[in-house]
C-alpha atoms as a PDB file:
ATOM      1  CA  UNK A   1     -18.595 -45.500  46.943  1.00  0.00           C
ATOM      2  CA  UNK A   2     -15.411 -47.535  47.396  1.00  0.00           C
ATOM      3  CA  UNK A   3     -14.603 -50.942  45.909  1.00  0.00           C
ATOM      4  CA  UNK A   4     -14.540 -53.958  48.183  1.00  0.00           C
ATOM      5  CA  UNK A   5     -11.249 -55.627  49.069  1.00  0.00           C
ATOM      6  CA  UNK A   6     -12.072 -58.580  46.785  1.00  0.00           C
ATOM      7  CA  UNK A   7     -12.850 -56.274  43.879  1.00  0.00           C
ATOM      8  CA  UNK A   8      -9.591 -54.410  44.403  1.00  0.00           C
ATOM      9  CA  UNK A   9      -7.686 -57.716  44.541  1.00  0.00           C
ATOM     10  CA  UNK A  10      -9.123 -58.796  41.188  1.00  0.00           C
ATOM     11  CA  UNK A  11      -8.396 -55.442  39.606  1.00  0.00           C
ATOM     12  CA  UNK A  12      -4.824 -55.465  40.893  1.00  0.00           C
ATOM     13  CA  UNK A  13      -4.363 -58.897  39.335  1.00  0.00           C
ATOM     14  CA  UNK A  14      -5.513 -57.485  35.998  1.00  0.00           C
ATOM     15  CA  UNK A  15      -3.227 -54.489  36.446  1.00  0.00           C
ATOM     16  CA  UNK A  16      -0.179 -56.713  36.993  1.00  0.00           C
ATOM     17  CA  UNK A  17      -0.964 -58.750  33.893  1.00  0.00           C
ATOM     18  CA  UNK A  18      -1.703 -55.738  31.715  1.00  0.00           C
ATOM     19  CA  UNK A  19       1.290 -53.749  32.961  1.00  0.00           C
ATOM     20  CA  UNK A  20       1.721 -50.074  33.717  1.00  0.00           C
ATOM     21  CA  UNK A  21       0.038 -49.042  30.468  1.00  0.00           C
ATOM     22  CA  UNK A  22      -3.329 -50.587  31.312  1.00  0.00           C
ATOM     23  CA  UNK A  23      -6.105 -48.341  30.067  1.00  0.00           C
ATOM     24  CA  UNK A  24      -8.200 -48.661  33.211  1.00  0.00           C
ATOM     25  CA  UNK A  25      -6.648 -48.178  36.652  1.00  0.00           C
ATOM     26  CA  UNK A  26      -8.155 -48.806  40.054  1.00  0.00           C
ATOM     27  CA  UNK A  27      -8.253 -45.077  40.756  1.00  0.00           C
ATOM     28  CA  UNK A  28     -10.172 -44.340  37.584  1.00  0.00           C
ATOM     29  CA  UNK A  29     -12.662 -47.097  38.314  1.00  0.00           C
ATOM     30  CA  UNK A  30     -13.212 -45.755  41.823  1.00  0.00           C
ATOM     31  CA  UNK A  31     -13.804 -42.308  40.350  1.00  0.00           C
ATOM     32  CA  UNK A  32     -16.282 -43.652  37.826  1.00  0.00           C
ATOM     33  CA  UNK A  33     -17.917 -45.709  40.544  1.00  0.00           C
ATOM     34  CA  UNK A  34     -18.458 -42.663  42.716  1.00  0.00           C
ATOM     35  CA  UNK A  35     -19.519 -40.167  40.060  1.00  0.00           C
ATOM     36  CA  UNK A  36     -21.055 -42.042  37.155  1.00  0.00           C
ATOM     37  CA  UNK A  37     -22.953 -44.967  38.623  1.00  0.00           C
ATOM     38  CA  UNK A  38     -25.498 -43.362  40.910  1.00  0.00           C
ATOM     39  CA  UNK A  39     -28.537 -45.592  41.201  1.00  0.00           C
ATOM     40  CA  UNK A  40     -26.881 -48.596  39.504  1.00  0.00           C
ATOM     41  CA  UNK A  41     -26.323 -51.963  41.071  1.00  0.00           C
ATOM     42  CA  UNK A  42     -22.751 -52.322  42.355  1.00  0.00           C
ATOM     43  CA  UNK A  43     -22.394 -55.912  41.197  1.00  0.00           C
ATOM     44  CA  UNK A  44     -23.503 -55.105  37.646  1.00  0.00           C
ATOM     45  CA  UNK A  45     -21.115 -52.172  37.373  1.00  0.00           C
ATOM     46  CA  UNK A  46     -18.162 -54.163  38.672  1.00  0.00           C
ATOM     47  CA  UNK A  47     -18.955 -56.977  36.226  1.00  0.00           C
ATOM     48  CA  UNK A  48     -18.951 -54.438  33.406  1.00  0.00           C
ATOM     49  CA  UNK A  49     -15.497 -53.118  34.344  1.00  0.00           C
ATOM     50  CA  UNK A  50     -14.234 -56.638  34.878  1.00  0.00           C
ATOM     51  CA  UNK A  51     -15.392 -57.503  31.356  1.00  0.00           C
ATOM     52  CA  UNK A  52     -13.540 -54.477  29.950  1.00  0.00           C
ATOM     53  CA  UNK A  53     -10.337 -55.555  31.678  1.00  0.00           C
ATOM     54  CA  UNK A  54     -10.814 -59.151  30.542  1.00  0.00           C
ATOM     55  CA  UNK A  55     -11.157 -58.065  26.899  1.00  0.00           C
ATOM     56  CA  UNK A  56      -7.996 -55.944  27.195  1.00  0.00           C
ATOM     57  CA  UNK A  57      -6.113 -58.816  28.803  1.00  0.00           C
ATOM     58  CA  UNK A  58      -7.294 -61.275  26.147  1.00  0.00           C
ATOM     59  CA  UNK A  59      -6.143 -58.954  23.358  1.00  0.00           C
ATOM     60  CA  UNK A  60      -2.766 -58.528  25.051  1.00  0.00           C
ATOM     61  CA  UNK A  61      -2.261 -62.287  25.431  1.00  0.00           C
ATOM     62  CA  UNK A  62      -3.254 -62.907  21.804  1.00  0.00           C
ATOM     63  CA  UNK A  63      -0.676 -60.334  20.697  1.00  0.00           C
ATOM     64  CA  UNK A  64       2.044 -61.967  22.801  1.00  0.00           C
ATOM     65  CA  UNK A  65       1.138 -65.437  21.511  1.00  0.00           C
ATOM     66  CA  UNK A  66       1.172 -64.281  17.889  1.00  0.00           C
ATOM     67  CA  UNK A  67       4.548 -62.572  18.293  1.00  0.00           C
ATOM     68  CA  UNK A  68       6.071 -65.645  19.911  1.00  0.00           C
ATOM     69  CA  UNK A  69       4.636 -67.957  17.241  1.00  0.00           C
ATOM     70  CA  UNK A  70       6.324 -66.070  14.378  1.00  0.00           C
ATOM     71  CA  UNK A  71       9.820 -67.228  15.315  1.00  0.00           C
ATOM     72  CA  UNK A  72      10.494 -70.943  15.672  1.00  0.00           C
ATOM     73  CA  UNK A  73      13.444 -73.014  16.760  1.00  0.00           C
ATOM     74  CA  UNK A  74      15.404 -74.574  13.915  1.00  0.00           C
ATOM     75  CA  UNK A  75      17.829 -77.435  13.690  1.00  0.00           C
ATOM     76  CA  UNK A  76      21.423 -76.230  13.684  1.00  0.00           C
ATOM     77  CA  UNK A  77      24.969 -77.317  14.417  1.00  0.00           C
ATOM     78  CA  UNK A  78      27.470 -75.306  16.408  1.00  0.00           C
ATOM     79  CA  UNK A  79      30.590 -74.984  14.245  1.00  0.00           C
ATOM     80  CA  UNK A  80      33.192 -74.417  16.957  1.00  0.00           C
ATOM     81  CA  UNK A  81      31.839 -71.137  18.322  1.00  0.00           C
ATOM     82  CA  UNK A  82      33.980 -69.373  20.885  1.00  0.00           C
ATOM     83  CA  UNK A  83      30.876 -68.050  22.658  1.00  0.00           C
ATOM     84  CA  UNK A  84      28.098 -70.206  24.084  1.00  0.00           C
ATOM     85  CA  UNK A  85      25.053 -70.485  21.814  1.00  0.00           C
ATOM     86  CA  UNK A  86      21.784 -70.513  23.751  1.00  0.00           C
ATOM     87  CA  UNK A  87      19.183 -70.728  20.998  1.00  0.00           C
ATOM     88  CA  UNK A  88      18.648 -70.275  17.253  1.00  0.00           C
ATOM     89  CA  UNK A  89      15.287 -69.315  15.751  1.00  0.00           C
ATOM     90  CA  UNK A  90      14.004 -68.273  12.336  1.00  0.00           C
ATOM     91  CA  UNK A  91      11.160 -66.140  11.019  1.00  0.00           C
ATOM     92  CA  UNK A  92       9.749 -67.003   7.586  1.00  0.00           C
ATOM     93  CA  UNK A  93      11.013 -70.584   7.785  1.00  0.00           C
ATOM     94  CA  UNK A  94       8.802 -73.528   6.824  1.00  0.00           C
ATOM     95  CA  UNK A  95      10.502 -76.231   8.874  1.00  0.00           C
ATOM     96  CA  UNK A  96      10.795 -79.629   7.169  1.00  0.00           C
ATOM     97  CA  UNK A  97      12.253 -83.016   8.084  1.00  0.00           C
ATOM     98  CA  UNK A  98      14.851 -84.469   5.706  1.00  0.00           C
ATOM     99  CA  UNK A  99      15.288 -88.149   4.864  1.00  0.00           C
ATOM    100  CA  UNK A 100      18.301 -88.222   7.209  1.00  0.00           C
ATOM    101  CA  UNK A 101      16.252 -86.921  10.142  1.00  0.00           C
ATOM    102  CA  UNK A 102      17.733 -83.429  10.071  1.00  0.00           C
ATOM    103  CA  UNK A 103      15.685 -80.234  10.068  1.00  0.00           C
ATOM    104  CA  UNK A 104      15.578 -77.981   7.020  1.00  0.00           C
ATOM    105  CA  UNK A 105      14.245 -74.445   6.544  1.00  0.00           C
ATOM    106  CA  UNK A 106      12.303 -73.742   3.371  1.00  0.00           C
ATOM    107  CA  UNK A 107      12.404 -70.067   2.434  1.00  0.00           C
ATOM    108  CA  UNK A 108      10.124 -68.574  -0.206  1.00  0.00           C
ATOM    109  CA  UNK A 109      11.614 -66.708  -3.133  1.00  0.00           C
ATOM    110  CA  UNK A 110      11.215 -62.940  -2.790  1.00  0.00           C
ATOM    111  CA  UNK A 111      10.932 -62.949   0.994  1.00  0.00           C
ATOM    112  CA  UNK A 112      13.306 -61.700   3.685  1.00  0.00           C
ATOM    113  CA  UNK A 113      13.524 -64.365   6.397  1.00  0.00           C
ATOM    114  CA  UNK A 114      15.237 -63.510   9.661  1.00  0.00           C
ATOM    115  CA  UNK A 115      17.597 -65.441  11.878  1.00  0.00           C
ATOM    116  CA  UNK A 116      17.726 -64.824  15.623  1.00  0.00           C
ATOM    117  CA  UNK A 117      20.703 -66.117  17.615  1.00  0.00           C
ATOM    118  CA  UNK A 118      20.927 -65.915  21.394  1.00  0.00           C
ATOM    119  CA  UNK A 119      24.402 -66.343  22.809  1.00  0.00           C
ATOM    120  CA  UNK A 120      26.553 -65.642  25.855  1.00  0.00           C
ATOM    121  CA  UNK A 121      30.024 -64.094  25.383  1.00  0.00           C
ATOM    122  CA  UNK A 122      32.847 -65.534  27.466  1.00  0.00           C
ATOM    123  CA  UNK A 123      34.726 -62.235  27.323  1.00  0.00           C
ATOM    124  CA  UNK A 124      34.058 -58.535  26.819  1.00  0.00           C
ATOM    125  CA  UNK A 125      33.765 -57.705  23.128  1.00  0.00           C
ATOM    126  CA  UNK A 126      33.633 -54.304  21.442  1.00  0.00           C
ATOM    127  CA  UNK A 127      32.387 -55.409  18.011  1.00  0.00           C
ATOM    128  CA  UNK A 128      31.305 -58.342  15.852  1.00  0.00           C
ATOM    129  CA  UNK A 129      31.008 -58.741  12.084  1.00  0.00           C
ATOM    130  CA  UNK A 130      28.538 -60.913  10.181  1.00  0.00           C
ATOM    131  CA  UNK A 131      29.647 -63.426   7.542  1.00  0.00           C
ATOM    132  CA  UNK A 132      27.168 -65.677   5.731  1.00  0.00           C
ATOM    133  CA  UNK A 133      28.098 -68.435   3.296  1.00  0.00           C
ATOM    134  CA  UNK A 134      26.095 -71.101   1.477  1.00  0.00           C
ATOM    135  CA  UNK A 135      27.591 -74.441   0.530  1.00  0.00           C
ATOM    136  CA  UNK A 136      26.188 -75.847  -2.708  1.00  0.00           C
ATOM    137  CA  UNK A 137      27.796 -79.169  -3.504  1.00  0.00           C
ATOM    138  CA  UNK A 138      31.440 -78.587  -2.687  1.00  0.00           C
ATOM    139  CA  UNK A 139      31.381 -74.871  -3.432  1.00  0.00           C
ATOM    140  CA  UNK A 140      30.962 -72.070  -0.880  1.00  0.00           C
ATOM    141  CA  UNK A 141      29.235 -68.892  -2.030  1.00  0.00           C
ATOM    142  CA  UNK A 142      29.510 -65.734   0.055  1.00  0.00           C
ATOM    143  CA  UNK A 143      26.255 -63.853   0.616  1.00  0.00           C
ATOM    144  CA  UNK A 144      26.681 -60.150  -0.189  1.00  0.00           C
ATOM    145  CA  UNK A 145      26.473 -58.102   3.010  1.00  0.00           C
ATOM    146  CA  UNK A 146      25.424 -54.458   2.711  1.00  0.00           C
ATOM    147  CA  UNK A 147      26.106 -54.011   6.420  1.00  0.00           C
ATOM    148  CA  UNK A 148      28.182 -56.611   8.228  1.00  0.00           C
ATOM    149  CA  UNK A 149      28.238 -54.755  11.566  1.00  0.00           C
ATOM    150  CA  UNK A 150      26.430 -57.193  13.893  1.00  0.00           C
ATOM    151  CA  UNK A 151      26.155 -54.490  16.551  1.00  0.00           C
ATOM    152  CA  UNK A 152      23.405 -52.856  14.470  1.00  0.00           C
ATOM    153  CA  UNK A 153      21.169 -55.912  14.574  1.00  0.00           C
ATOM    154  CA  UNK A 154      20.009 -56.360  18.137  1.00  0.00           C
ATOM    155  CA  UNK A 155      23.446 -56.881  19.656  1.00  0.00           C
ATOM    156  CA  UNK A 156      24.248 -54.106  22.114  1.00  0.00           C
ATOM    157  CA  UNK A 157      27.962 -53.442  21.838  1.00  0.00           C
ATOM    158  CA  UNK A 158      30.188 -53.531  23.726  1.00  0.00           C
ATOM    159  CA  UNK A 159      29.163 -56.997  24.876  1.00  0.00           C
ATOM    160  CA  UNK A 160      29.730 -58.009  28.467  1.00  0.00           C
ATOM    161  CA  UNK A 161      31.196 -61.334  29.511  1.00  0.00           C
ATOM    162  CA  UNK A 162      28.484 -63.683  30.793  1.00  0.00           C
ATOM    163  CA  UNK A 163      25.560 -61.469  29.701  1.00  0.00           C
ATOM    164  CA  UNK A 164      23.188 -62.968  27.122  1.00  0.00           C
ATOM    165  CA  UNK A 165      23.017 -61.138  23.787  1.00  0.00           C
ATOM    166  CA  UNK A 166      20.496 -61.429  20.964  1.00  0.00           C
ATOM    167  CA  UNK A 167      21.407 -61.011  17.300  1.00  0.00           C
ATOM    168  CA  UNK A 168      18.648 -60.760  14.691  1.00  0.00           C
ATOM    169  CA  UNK A 169      19.082 -60.126  10.987  1.00  0.00           C
ATOM    170  CA  UNK A 170      17.120 -60.655   7.798  1.00  0.00           C
ATOM    171  CA  UNK A 171      18.523 -61.782   4.474  1.00  0.00           C
ATOM    172  CA  UNK A 172      16.732 -61.130   1.201  1.00  0.00           C
ATOM    173  CA  UNK A 173      16.038 -64.164  -0.976  1.00  0.00           C
ATOM    174  CA  UNK A 174      16.553 -62.872  -4.519  1.00  0.00           C
ATOM    175  CA  UNK A 175      15.482 -64.511  -7.760  1.00  0.00           C
ATOM    176  CA  UNK A 176      18.910 -65.662  -8.959  1.00  0.00           C
ATOM    177  CA  UNK A 177      19.529 -67.871  -5.924  1.00  0.00           C
ATOM    178  CA  UNK A 178      19.249 -71.580  -6.823  1.00  0.00           C
ATOM    179  CA  UNK A 179      15.821 -73.038  -6.107  1.00  0.00           C
ATOM    180  CA  UNK A 180      14.728 -76.457  -4.887  1.00  0.00           C
ATOM    181  CA  UNK A 181      18.260 -77.381  -3.845  1.00  0.00           C
ATOM    182  CA  UNK A 182      19.279 -78.243  -0.310  1.00  0.00           C
ATOM    183  CA  UNK A 183      22.118 -75.969   0.748  1.00  0.00           C
ATOM    184  CA  UNK A 184      24.186 -75.683   3.904  1.00  0.00           C
ATOM    185  CA  UNK A 185      24.184 -72.181   5.384  1.00  0.00           C
ATOM    186  CA  UNK A 186      27.133 -71.095   7.521  1.00  0.00           C
ATOM    187  CA  UNK A 187      26.193 -68.049   9.620  1.00  0.00           C
ATOM    188  CA  UNK A 188      29.034 -66.483  11.590  1.00  0.00           C
ATOM    189  CA  UNK A 189      29.622 -63.555  13.897  1.00  0.00           C
ATOM    190  CA  UNK A 190      33.337 -62.955  13.955  1.00  0.00           C
ATOM    191  CA  UNK A 191      35.533 -61.137  16.420  1.00  0.00           C
ATOM    192  CA  UNK A 192      38.545 -60.148  14.351  1.00  0.00           C
ATOM    193  CA  UNK A 193      39.489 -63.498  12.791  1.00  0.00           C
ATOM    194  CA  UNK A 194      37.840 -65.642  15.461  1.00  0.00           C
ATOM    195  CA  UNK A 195      34.476 -67.366  15.097  1.00  0.00           C
ATOM    196  CA  UNK A 196      32.732 -65.922  18.122  1.00  0.00           C
ATOM    197  CA  UNK A 197      29.433 -67.416  16.949  1.00  0.00           C
ATOM    198  CA  UNK A 198      29.154 -69.993  14.186  1.00  0.00           C
ATOM    199  CA  UNK A 199      26.089 -72.020  13.242  1.00  0.00           C
ATOM    200  CA  UNK A 200      25.278 -74.340  10.352  1.00  0.00           C
ATOM    201  CA  UNK A 201      21.763 -75.145   9.179  1.00  0.00           C
ATOM    202  CA  UNK A 202      20.113 -76.591   6.085  1.00  0.00           C
ATOM    203  CA  UNK A 203      17.924 -74.484   3.812  1.00  0.00           C
ATOM    204  CA  UNK A 204      16.044 -74.655   0.539  1.00  0.00           C
ATOM    205  CA  UNK A 205      14.482 -71.906  -1.579  1.00  0.00           C
ATOM    206  CA  UNK A 206      11.077 -72.589  -3.095  1.00  0.00           C
ATOM    207  CA  UNK A 207       8.613 -70.629  -5.243  1.00  0.00           C
END
């Protein structure tokens, strides 16, 4: 027994939303309809399959929403980047407002927050290196970098002019970093001695 055109339309809508890995396809439903539902009411069976697809779709959308909610946009300043910065987000950042109206990221001691930077190169680039500094008072402290190769953190090198790239890297907050002090973080992706990407944001480490 074949599905009606309306039933197929609804199932195809579910298929598009669930993608190619959907657990239940139209062909499999037709097979089940023909072989496993003898004597059952067509409407009840279709409602059952529709419910299965709805549950799968709901789970998928919840997963997408949760993943998107983890990263959030932060306040930042572009410090004369050569490339165009599209967006800056952070994971593990408790975003606060300062008395001056600026945004500040609070990071918990012992965690490894991540920074995600989307940017567009204005020229082809074979490699980029990461440099991170924190300004405390008038002093700049260099964050130790075990691996400064930015091409290993989301960026697909070589980069193409005009094609958006995404860099994402975590930095461990260790116990000897100063706590409860507002610091300025300078996060740079350098091409040779040029600041291809340079952002500044405020941060504070808390217990």
